[in-house]
């Protein structure tokens, strides 16, 4: 959630903050999931409006996303370099 009254790049700022929350959760072995809110429909209004109304948040704030935190349901193995699809890496061309 960002106060947009004095923040031109609020989407970028909130994205960076959310990413750090997700990385911190992983560091402490906490399950986390980004739930996108911006430009999504709610049950009656936009998801942003409904969340702000529910939490009594002023109109100058916007909700980019919510991050659900909890216990992990599964643990996945890391990818190894031999599984890397090198053909999908491009340098200066598409």
C-alpha atoms as a PDB file:
ATOM      1  CA  UNK A   1       0.000   0.000   0.000  1.00  0.00           C
ATOM      2  CA  UNK A   2       1.416   3.382  -1.003  1.00  0.00           C
ATOM      3  CA  UNK A   3       0.509   7.000  -0.320  1.00  0.00           C
ATOM      4  CA  UNK A   4       0.188   8.253  -3.899  1.00  0.00           C
ATOM      5  CA  UNK A   5      -0.185  11.931  -2.987  1.00  0.00           C
ATOM      6  CA  UNK A   6       3.576  12.479  -3.247  1.00  0.00           C
ATOM      7  CA  UNK A   7       4.851   9.447  -5.131  1.00  0.00           C
ATOM      8  CA  UNK A   8       5.056   9.448  -8.921  1.00  0.00           C
ATOM      9  CA  UNK A   9       6.492   5.921  -9.165  1.00  0.00           C
ATOM     10  CA  UNK A  10       4.294   4.245  -6.583  1.00  0.00           C
ATOM     11  CA  UNK A  11       3.832   1.024  -8.581  1.00  0.00           C
ATOM     12  CA  UNK A  12       7.590   0.557  -8.925  1.00  0.00           C
ATOM     13  CA  UNK A  13       8.229   1.449  -5.267  1.00  0.00           C
ATOM     14  CA  UNK A  14       5.566  -0.936  -3.998  1.00  0.00           C
ATOM     15  CA  UNK A  15       6.856  -3.691  -6.303  1.00  0.00           C
ATOM     16  CA  UNK A  16      10.371  -3.364  -4.924  1.00  0.00           C
ATOM     17  CA  UNK A  17       9.113  -3.357  -1.317  1.00  0.00           C
ATOM     18  CA  UNK A  18       6.970  -6.418  -2.011  1.00  0.00           C
ATOM     19  CA  UNK A  19       9.890  -8.242  -3.593  1.00  0.00           C
ATOM     20  CA  UNK A  20      12.016  -7.652  -0.504  1.00  0.00           C
ATOM     21  CA  UNK A  21       9.217  -8.985   1.698  1.00  0.00           C
ATOM     22  CA  UNK A  22       9.077 -12.127  -0.456  1.00  0.00           C
ATOM     23  CA  UNK A  23      12.872 -12.547  -0.293  1.00  0.00           C
ATOM     24  CA  UNK A  24      12.885 -12.049   3.496  1.00  0.00           C
ATOM     25  CA  UNK A  25      10.130 -14.631   3.884  1.00  0.00           C
ATOM     26  CA  UNK A  26      12.188 -17.145   1.905  1.00  0.00           C
ATOM     27  CA  UNK A  27      15.268 -16.393   4.017  1.00  0.00           C
ATOM     28  CA  UNK A  28      13.300 -17.317   7.141  1.00  0.00           C
ATOM     29  CA  UNK A  29      11.695 -20.345   5.469  1.00  0.00           C
ATOM     30  CA  UNK A  30       8.238 -18.786   5.468  1.00  0.00           C
ATOM     31  CA  UNK A  31       5.899 -19.496   2.589  1.00  0.00           C
ATOM     32  CA  UNK A  32       4.789 -16.367   0.734  1.00  0.00           C
ATOM     33  CA  UNK A  33       2.550 -15.560  -2.196  1.00  0.00           C
ATOM     34  CA  UNK A  34       2.017 -12.294  -4.114  1.00  0.00           C
ATOM     35  CA  UNK A  35      -1.716 -11.628  -4.594  1.00  0.00           C
ATOM     36  CA  UNK A  36      -2.178  -8.981  -7.259  1.00  0.00           C
ATOM     37  CA  UNK A  37      -4.776  -6.291  -6.422  1.00  0.00           C
ATOM     38  CA  UNK A  38      -4.213  -3.305  -8.742  1.00  0.00           C
ATOM     39  CA  UNK A  39      -6.655  -3.214 -11.675  1.00  0.00           C
ATOM     40  CA  UNK A  40      -8.516  -6.293 -10.395  1.00  0.00           C
ATOM     41  CA  UNK A  41     -12.231  -6.530  -9.810  1.00  0.00           C
ATOM     42  CA  UNK A  42     -13.579  -7.020  -6.329  1.00  0.00           C
ATOM     43  CA  UNK A  43     -16.999  -8.393  -5.456  1.00  0.00           C
ATOM     44  CA  UNK A  44     -18.742  -5.028  -5.928  1.00  0.00           C
ATOM     45  CA  UNK A  45     -16.046  -2.380  -6.534  1.00  0.00           C
ATOM     46  CA  UNK A  46     -12.398  -2.683  -7.514  1.00  0.00           C
ATOM     47  CA  UNK A  47     -10.282  -4.930  -5.284  1.00  0.00           C
ATOM     48  CA  UNK A  48      -8.236  -1.844  -4.321  1.00  0.00           C
ATOM     49  CA  UNK A  49     -11.339   0.073  -3.208  1.00  0.00           C
ATOM     50  CA  UNK A  50     -12.744  -2.863  -1.268  1.00  0.00           C
ATOM     51  CA  UNK A  51      -9.490  -3.467   0.635  1.00  0.00           C
ATOM     52  CA  UNK A  52      -9.095   0.235   1.444  1.00  0.00           C
ATOM     53  CA  UNK A  53     -12.701   0.366   2.615  1.00  0.00           C
ATOM     54  CA  UNK A  54     -12.311  -2.776   4.731  1.00  0.00           C
ATOM     55  CA  UNK A  55      -9.175  -1.392   6.422  1.00  0.00           C
ATOM     56  CA  UNK A  56     -10.428   2.220   6.594  1.00  0.00           C
ATOM     57  CA  UNK A  57      -7.506   3.492   4.510  1.00  0.00           C
ATOM     58  CA  UNK A  58      -7.595   7.081   3.119  1.00  0.00           C
ATOM     59  CA  UNK A  59      -8.331   7.634  -0.585  1.00  0.00           C
ATOM     60  CA  UNK A  60      -4.809   8.899  -1.359  1.00  0.00           C
ATOM     61  CA  UNK A  61      -3.423   5.383  -0.767  1.00  0.00           C
ATOM     62  CA  UNK A  62      -3.442   2.615  -3.372  1.00  0.00           C
ATOM     63  CA  UNK A  63      -3.042  -1.139  -2.962  1.00  0.00           C
ATOM     64  CA  UNK A  64      -0.719  -2.850  -5.428  1.00  0.00           C
ATOM     65  CA  UNK A  65      -0.833  -6.297  -3.889  1.00  0.00           C
ATOM     66  CA  UNK A  66      -1.236  -8.346  -0.743  1.00  0.00           C
ATOM     67  CA  UNK A  67       1.342 -10.857   0.396  1.00  0.00           C
ATOM     68  CA  UNK A  68       0.068 -13.993   2.082  1.00  0.00           C
ATOM     69  CA  UNK A  69       2.535 -15.488   4.576  1.00  0.00           C
ATOM     70  CA  UNK A  70       2.370 -18.939   6.103  1.00  0.00           C
ATOM     71  CA  UNK A  71       3.871 -22.355   6.530  1.00  0.00           C
ATOM     72  CA  UNK A  72       5.210 -23.925   3.344  1.00  0.00           C
ATOM     73  CA  UNK A  73       3.224 -26.872   2.029  1.00  0.00           C
ATOM     74  CA  UNK A  74       6.104 -28.283  -0.006  1.00  0.00           C
ATOM     75  CA  UNK A  75       9.808 -27.861  -0.591  1.00  0.00           C
ATOM     76  CA  UNK A  76      11.138 -27.898  -4.127  1.00  0.00           C
ATOM     77  CA  UNK A  77      14.653 -28.819  -5.122  1.00  0.00           C
ATOM     78  CA  UNK A  78      16.852 -26.145  -6.648  1.00  0.00           C
ATOM     79  CA  UNK A  79      17.436 -26.164 -10.379  1.00  0.00           C
ATOM     80  CA  UNK A  80      20.910 -27.185 -11.468  1.00  0.00           C
ATOM     81  CA  UNK A  81      22.900 -25.540 -14.252  1.00  0.00           C
ATOM     82  CA  UNK A  82      22.581 -28.597 -16.496  1.00  0.00           C
ATOM     83  CA  UNK A  83      18.800 -28.009 -16.589  1.00  0.00           C
ATOM     84  CA  UNK A  84      19.301 -24.452 -17.875  1.00  0.00           C
ATOM     85  CA  UNK A  85      17.898 -23.934 -21.374  1.00  0.00           C
ATOM     86  CA  UNK A  86      20.823 -21.964 -22.786  1.00  0.00           C
ATOM     87  CA  UNK A  87      18.959 -21.492 -26.081  1.00  0.00           C
ATOM     88  CA  UNK A  88      16.525 -19.193 -24.244  1.00  0.00           C
ATOM     89  CA  UNK A  89      19.285 -16.728 -23.346  1.00  0.00           C
ATOM     90  CA  UNK A  90      19.666 -13.927 -25.885  1.00  0.00           C
ATOM     91  CA  UNK A  91      22.335 -11.260 -26.139  1.00  0.00           C
ATOM     92  CA  UNK A  92      21.420  -8.116 -28.104  1.00  0.00           C
ATOM     93  CA  UNK A  93      18.827  -9.864 -30.293  1.00  0.00           C
ATOM     94  CA  UNK A  94      15.519 -11.678 -30.087  1.00  0.00           C
END
